[in-house]
Amino acid sequence: MFIKEKNNSLNILKVEEEKIQTDANAFYYFFLVEHLIVIIIGLINYCFETVSPWVKLYLERRDYKAKENKWKALIQRYKIAKEIKKPDPDQKTANDVQAIKNLIQSKLQTN
């Protein structure tokens, strides 16, 4: 069927070339439309808010409460640590008296 004439082979090459050109154009148009869709979606996301105002308010309030609770916990821990480290006044006096006695005895022994 394709071998009958020598000129017919040139026609087949032209048909193949046109088909390749058509496929390339189809790919080009697909690429163009795909990029246009991506640009349109990007513009819509840029122009309109995707999060409702009440959701933003809720998230901000939740973050504020979390920070507030964190500071309250830190202050509470500081108060507890301060109470634990707070020396007993009677014990401090007894330690001071004992230190003074030891100092006096060491001075007496050296003289």
N, C-alpha and C. Protein backbone atom coordinates (compact mmCIF):
# COMPACT_ATOMS: atom_id res chain seq x y z
N MET A 1 0.82 -1.19 0.00
CA MET A 1 0.00 0.00 0.00
C MET A 1 0.87 1.26 0.00
N PHE A 2 1.90 1.30 0.86
CA PHE A 2 2.77 2.47 0.89
C PHE A 2 3.96 2.34 -0.05
N ILE A 3 4.14 1.21 -0.64
CA ILE A 3 5.33 0.96 -1.45
C ILE A 3 5.06 1.21 -2.94
N LYS A 4 3.90 1.55 -3.34
CA LYS A 4 3.54 1.68 -4.75
C LYS A 4 4.35 2.74 -5.46
N GLU A 5 4.49 3.88 -4.87
CA GLU A 5 5.22 4.96 -5.54
C GLU A 5 6.27 5.54 -4.62
N LYS A 6 7.31 6.08 -5.24
CA LYS A 6 8.36 6.70 -4.44
C LYS A 6 7.90 8.03 -3.88
N ASN A 7 7.09 8.75 -4.60
CA ASN A 7 6.59 10.04 -4.13
C ASN A 7 5.65 9.88 -2.94
N ASN A 8 5.01 8.74 -2.84
CA ASN A 8 4.08 8.49 -1.75
C ASN A 8 4.80 8.51 -0.40
N SER A 9 6.06 8.10 -0.36
CA SER A 9 6.81 8.10 0.89
C SER A 9 7.01 9.53 1.38
N LEU A 10 7.16 10.47 0.49
CA LEU A 10 7.27 11.87 0.89
C LEU A 10 5.97 12.36 1.52
N ASN A 11 4.85 11.90 0.96
CA ASN A 11 3.55 12.28 1.54
C ASN A 11 3.40 11.72 2.96
N ILE A 12 3.88 10.50 3.17
CA ILE A 12 3.80 9.91 4.51
C ILE A 12 4.63 10.72 5.49
N LEU A 13 5.82 11.17 5.08
CA LEU A 13 6.65 11.99 5.95
C LEU A 13 5.97 13.31 6.28
N LYS A 14 5.28 13.88 5.30
CA LYS A 14 4.55 15.13 5.55
C LYS A 14 3.44 14.91 6.56
N VAL A 15 2.72 13.78 6.41
CA VAL A 15 1.64 13.47 7.35
C VAL A 15 2.19 13.30 8.76
N GLU A 16 3.32 12.58 8.87
CA GLU A 16 3.95 12.37 10.18
C GLU A 16 4.41 13.71 10.76
N GLU A 17 4.97 14.57 9.93
CA GLU A 17 5.45 15.86 10.38
C GLU A 17 4.29 16.73 10.87
N GLU A 18 3.18 16.69 10.18
CA GLU A 18 2.00 17.46 10.59
C GLU A 18 1.44 16.92 11.91
N LYS A 19 1.45 15.61 12.08
CA LYS A 19 0.96 15.01 13.31
C LYS A 19 1.84 15.43 14.49
N ILE A 20 3.16 15.41 14.29
CA ILE A 20 4.08 15.84 15.35
C ILE A 20 3.85 17.31 15.68
N GLN A 21 3.66 18.12 14.66
CA GLN A 21 3.40 19.54 14.89
C GLN A 21 2.10 19.73 15.66
N THR A 22 1.06 18.95 15.34
CA THR A 22 -0.21 19.05 16.04
C THR A 22 -0.06 18.62 17.49
N ASP A 23 0.70 17.55 17.72
CA ASP A 23 0.94 17.10 19.10
C ASP A 23 1.71 18.15 19.89
N ALA A 24 2.67 18.79 19.28
CA ALA A 24 3.44 19.85 19.95
C ALA A 24 2.54 21.03 20.29
N ASN A 25 1.65 21.39 19.38
CA ASN A 25 0.72 22.49 19.65
C ASN A 25 -0.22 22.13 20.79
N ALA A 26 -0.69 20.89 20.81
CA ALA A 26 -1.58 20.46 21.89
C ALA A 26 -0.86 20.54 23.23
N PHE A 27 0.39 20.11 23.26
CA PHE A 27 1.16 20.19 24.50
C PHE A 27 1.37 21.64 24.91
N TYR A 28 1.67 22.50 23.95
CA TYR A 28 1.86 23.92 24.23
C TYR A 28 0.59 24.52 24.81
N TYR A 29 -0.57 24.24 24.24
CA TYR A 29 -1.83 24.79 24.74
C TYR A 29 -2.16 24.23 26.13
N PHE A 30 -1.89 22.95 26.34
CA PHE A 30 -2.10 22.37 27.67
C PHE A 30 -1.22 23.07 28.70
N PHE A 31 0.04 23.28 28.39
CA PHE A 31 0.99 23.96 29.27
C PHE A 31 0.52 25.38 29.57
N LEU A 32 0.04 26.08 28.56
CA LEU A 32 -0.44 27.45 28.72
C LEU A 32 -1.67 27.50 29.62
N VAL A 33 -2.64 26.63 29.37
CA VAL A 33 -3.87 26.62 30.17
C VAL A 33 -3.56 26.24 31.62
N GLU A 34 -2.68 25.28 31.81
CA GLU A 34 -2.32 24.86 33.17
C GLU A 34 -1.70 26.03 33.93
N HIS A 35 -0.81 26.78 33.31
CA HIS A 35 -0.19 27.92 33.98
C HIS A 35 -1.22 29.02 34.25
N LEU A 36 -2.12 29.25 33.34
CA LEU A 36 -3.16 30.25 33.59
C LEU A 36 -4.02 29.86 34.79
N ILE A 37 -4.36 28.60 34.91
CA ILE A 37 -5.16 28.14 36.05
C ILE A 37 -4.39 28.34 37.36
N VAL A 38 -3.11 28.04 37.36
CA VAL A 38 -2.31 28.22 38.57
C VAL A 38 -2.24 29.70 38.94
N ILE A 39 -2.08 30.58 37.97
CA ILE A 39 -2.03 32.02 38.24
C ILE A 39 -3.36 32.51 38.78
N ILE A 40 -4.47 32.06 38.21
CA ILE A 40 -5.80 32.47 38.68
C ILE A 40 -6.02 32.01 40.11
N ILE A 41 -5.66 30.78 40.42
CA ILE A 41 -5.81 30.27 41.80
C ILE A 41 -4.96 31.08 42.76
N GLY A 42 -3.74 31.40 42.35
CA GLY A 42 -2.87 32.23 43.19
C GLY A 42 -3.45 33.60 43.45
N LEU A 43 -4.02 34.22 42.44
CA LEU A 43 -4.65 35.54 42.61
C LEU A 43 -5.86 35.46 43.54
N ILE A 44 -6.64 34.42 43.41
CA ILE A 44 -7.80 34.26 44.29
C ILE A 44 -7.35 34.10 45.74
N ASN A 45 -6.32 33.29 45.98
CA ASN A 45 -5.80 33.12 47.34
C ASN A 45 -5.20 34.41 47.88
N TYR A 46 -4.60 35.21 47.02
CA TYR A 46 -4.01 36.47 47.46
C TYR A 46 -5.08 37.51 47.79
N CYS A 47 -6.14 37.55 47.01
CA CYS A 47 -7.15 38.58 47.16
C CYS A 47 -8.16 38.28 48.27
N PHE A 48 -8.45 37.04 48.52
CA PHE A 48 -9.47 36.69 49.49
C PHE A 48 -8.85 35.95 50.66
N GLU A 49 -9.39 36.21 51.86
CA GLU A 49 -8.90 35.52 53.05
C GLU A 49 -9.39 34.09 53.05
N THR A 50 -8.51 33.20 53.45
CA THR A 50 -8.89 31.79 53.49
C THR A 50 -9.36 31.37 54.88
N VAL A 51 -9.10 32.21 55.88
CA VAL A 51 -9.51 31.91 57.25
C VAL A 51 -10.55 32.94 57.68
N SER A 52 -11.62 32.47 58.26
CA SER A 52 -12.69 33.36 58.72
C SER A 52 -12.19 34.24 59.86
N PRO A 53 -12.78 35.43 60.01
CA PRO A 53 -12.34 36.32 61.10
C PRO A 53 -12.57 35.70 62.48
N TRP A 54 -13.66 34.99 62.67
CA TRP A 54 -13.90 34.40 63.98
C TRP A 54 -12.91 33.28 64.29
N VAL A 55 -12.42 32.60 63.26
CA VAL A 55 -11.39 31.57 63.48
C VAL A 55 -10.08 32.24 63.87
N LYS A 56 -9.74 33.34 63.20
CA LYS A 56 -8.52 34.09 63.57
C LYS A 56 -8.60 34.55 65.02
N LEU A 57 -9.77 35.09 65.40
CA LEU A 57 -9.96 35.56 66.77
C LEU A 57 -9.80 34.42 67.77
N TYR A 58 -10.38 33.28 67.46
CA TYR A 58 -10.25 32.11 68.34
C TYR A 58 -8.79 31.69 68.49
N LEU A 59 -8.05 31.64 67.39
CA LEU A 59 -6.64 31.23 67.44
C LEU A 59 -5.80 32.23 68.23
N GLU A 60 -6.07 33.52 68.04
CA GLU A 60 -5.32 34.53 68.79
C GLU A 60 -5.63 34.43 70.28
N ARG A 61 -6.90 34.21 70.62
CA ARG A 61 -7.29 34.08 72.02
C ARG A 61 -6.64 32.84 72.64
N ARG A 62 -6.60 31.74 71.91
CA ARG A 62 -5.98 30.52 72.40
C ARG A 62 -4.49 30.73 72.66
N ASP A 63 -3.81 31.43 71.75
CA ASP A 63 -2.38 31.71 71.93
C ASP A 63 -2.15 32.61 73.14
N TYR A 64 -3.02 33.62 73.30
CA TYR A 64 -2.89 34.53 74.44
C TYR A 64 -3.07 33.77 75.75
N LYS A 65 -4.09 32.92 75.81
CA LYS A 65 -4.34 32.15 77.04
C LYS A 65 -3.17 31.21 77.34
N ALA A 66 -2.60 30.62 76.31
CA ALA A 66 -1.46 29.72 76.51
C ALA A 66 -0.27 30.48 77.09
N LYS A 67 0.00 31.68 76.55
CA LYS A 67 1.10 32.49 77.08
C LYS A 67 0.82 32.92 78.52
N GLU A 68 -0.43 33.31 78.78
CA GLU A 68 -0.81 33.75 80.12
C GLU A 68 -0.64 32.60 81.12
N ASN A 69 -1.09 31.42 80.77
CA ASN A 69 -0.93 30.26 81.65
C ASN A 69 0.54 29.90 81.85
N LYS A 70 1.34 30.08 80.83
CA LYS A 70 2.77 29.81 80.95
C LYS A 70 3.40 30.75 81.97
N TRP A 71 3.06 32.03 81.88
CA TRP A 71 3.63 32.99 82.83
C TRP A 71 3.13 32.74 84.24
N LYS A 72 1.85 32.39 84.38
CA LYS A 72 1.32 32.07 85.71
C LYS A 72 2.06 30.89 86.31
N ALA A 73 2.32 29.86 85.51
CA ALA A 73 3.04 28.69 86.00
C ALA A 73 4.47 29.05 86.40
N LEU A 74 5.13 29.90 85.60
CA LEU A 74 6.50 30.32 85.95
C LEU A 74 6.52 31.09 87.26
N ILE A 75 5.56 32.00 87.44
CA ILE A 75 5.49 32.78 88.67
C ILE A 75 5.22 31.87 89.86
N GLN A 76 4.32 30.91 89.69
CA GLN A 76 4.02 29.97 90.77
C GLN A 76 5.24 29.14 91.13
N ARG A 77 5.98 28.66 90.12
CA ARG A 77 7.19 27.90 90.39
C ARG A 77 8.24 28.74 91.11
N TYR A 78 8.34 30.02 90.72
CA TYR A 78 9.30 30.92 91.37
C TYR A 78 8.92 31.10 92.84
N LYS A 79 7.63 31.29 93.11
CA LYS A 79 7.19 31.47 94.50
C LYS A 79 7.47 30.22 95.33
N ILE A 80 7.21 29.05 94.75
CA ILE A 80 7.47 27.80 95.48
C ILE A 80 8.96 27.64 95.74
N ALA A 81 9.78 27.92 94.72
CA ALA A 81 11.23 27.80 94.89
C ALA A 81 11.73 28.78 95.94
N LYS A 82 11.16 29.96 95.97
CA LYS A 82 11.56 30.97 96.94
C LYS A 82 11.20 30.53 98.36
N GLU A 83 10.03 29.92 98.50
CA GLU A 83 9.61 29.43 99.81
C GLU A 83 10.50 28.27 100.29
N ILE A 84 10.89 27.42 99.36
CA ILE A 84 11.75 26.29 99.73
C ILE A 84 13.12 26.78 100.16
N LYS A 85 13.67 27.75 99.44
CA LYS A 85 15.01 28.25 99.74
C LYS A 85 15.03 29.21 100.93
N LYS A 86 13.88 29.68 101.33
CA LYS A 86 13.81 30.66 102.43
C LYS A 86 14.30 30.00 103.72
N PRO A 87 15.33 30.55 104.32
CA PRO A 87 15.88 29.94 105.53
C PRO A 87 14.98 30.20 106.73
N ASP A 88 15.04 29.27 107.65
CA ASP A 88 14.30 29.42 108.90
C ASP A 88 15.06 30.42 109.77
N PRO A 89 14.40 31.44 110.29
CA PRO A 89 15.13 32.45 111.08
C PRO A 89 15.83 31.86 112.30
N ASP A 90 15.20 30.91 112.98
CA ASP A 90 15.83 30.31 114.16
C ASP A 90 17.07 29.51 113.77
N GLN A 91 16.99 28.79 112.68
CA GLN A 91 18.12 27.98 112.23
C GLN A 91 19.28 28.88 111.82
N LYS A 92 18.98 30.01 111.19
CA LYS A 92 20.04 30.93 110.77
C LYS A 92 20.77 31.47 112.00
N THR A 93 20.01 31.82 113.01
CA THR A 93 20.62 32.35 114.23
C THR A 93 21.48 31.28 114.90
N ALA A 94 20.98 30.07 114.93
CA ALA A 94 21.74 28.99 115.56
C ALA A 94 23.02 28.73 114.78
N ASN A 95 22.95 28.76 113.47
CA ASN A 95 24.16 28.57 112.66
C ASN A 95 25.15 29.70 112.87
N ASP A 96 24.63 30.93 112.97
CA ASP A 96 25.52 32.07 113.19
C ASP A 96 26.19 31.97 114.57
N VAL A 97 25.44 31.58 115.58
CA VAL A 97 26.00 31.46 116.93
C VAL A 97 27.08 30.38 116.95
N GLN A 98 26.81 29.27 116.28
CA GLN A 98 27.79 28.18 116.23
C GLN A 98 29.04 28.62 115.48
N ALA A 99 28.89 29.36 114.41
CA ALA A 99 30.05 29.84 113.66
C ALA A 99 30.87 30.81 114.50
N ILE A 100 30.21 31.66 115.26
CA ILE A 100 30.94 32.62 116.12
C ILE A 100 31.69 31.86 117.22
N LYS A 101 31.05 30.85 117.82
CA LYS A 101 31.72 30.05 118.84
C LYS A 101 32.95 29.36 118.28
N ASN A 102 32.82 28.80 117.08
CA ASN A 102 33.97 28.13 116.46
C ASN A 102 35.09 29.13 116.18
N LEU A 103 34.74 30.30 115.75
CA LEU A 103 35.74 31.32 115.47
C LEU A 103 36.46 31.74 116.75
N ILE A 104 35.70 31.93 117.84
CA ILE A 104 36.30 32.33 119.11
C ILE A 104 37.23 31.23 119.63
N GLN A 105 36.79 29.97 119.53
CA GLN A 105 37.61 28.87 120.01
C GLN A 105 38.89 28.76 119.20
N SER A 106 38.80 28.94 117.89
CA SER A 106 40.01 28.85 117.08
C SER A 106 40.97 29.99 117.41
N LYS A 107 40.46 31.18 117.73
CA LYS A 107 41.31 32.31 118.09
C LYS A 107 41.98 32.07 119.45
N LEU A 108 41.20 31.49 120.36
CA LEU A 108 41.75 31.23 121.68
C LEU A 108 42.85 30.18 121.62
N GLN A 109 42.66 29.17 120.75
CA GLN A 109 43.64 28.11 120.65
C GLN A 109 44.92 28.59 120.00
N THR A 110 44.82 29.52 119.11
CA THR A 110 46.03 30.01 118.45
C THR A 110 46.81 30.95 119.37
N ASN A 111 46.15 31.58 120.32
CA ASN A 111 46.87 32.51 121.24
C ASN A 111 47.38 31.76 122.36
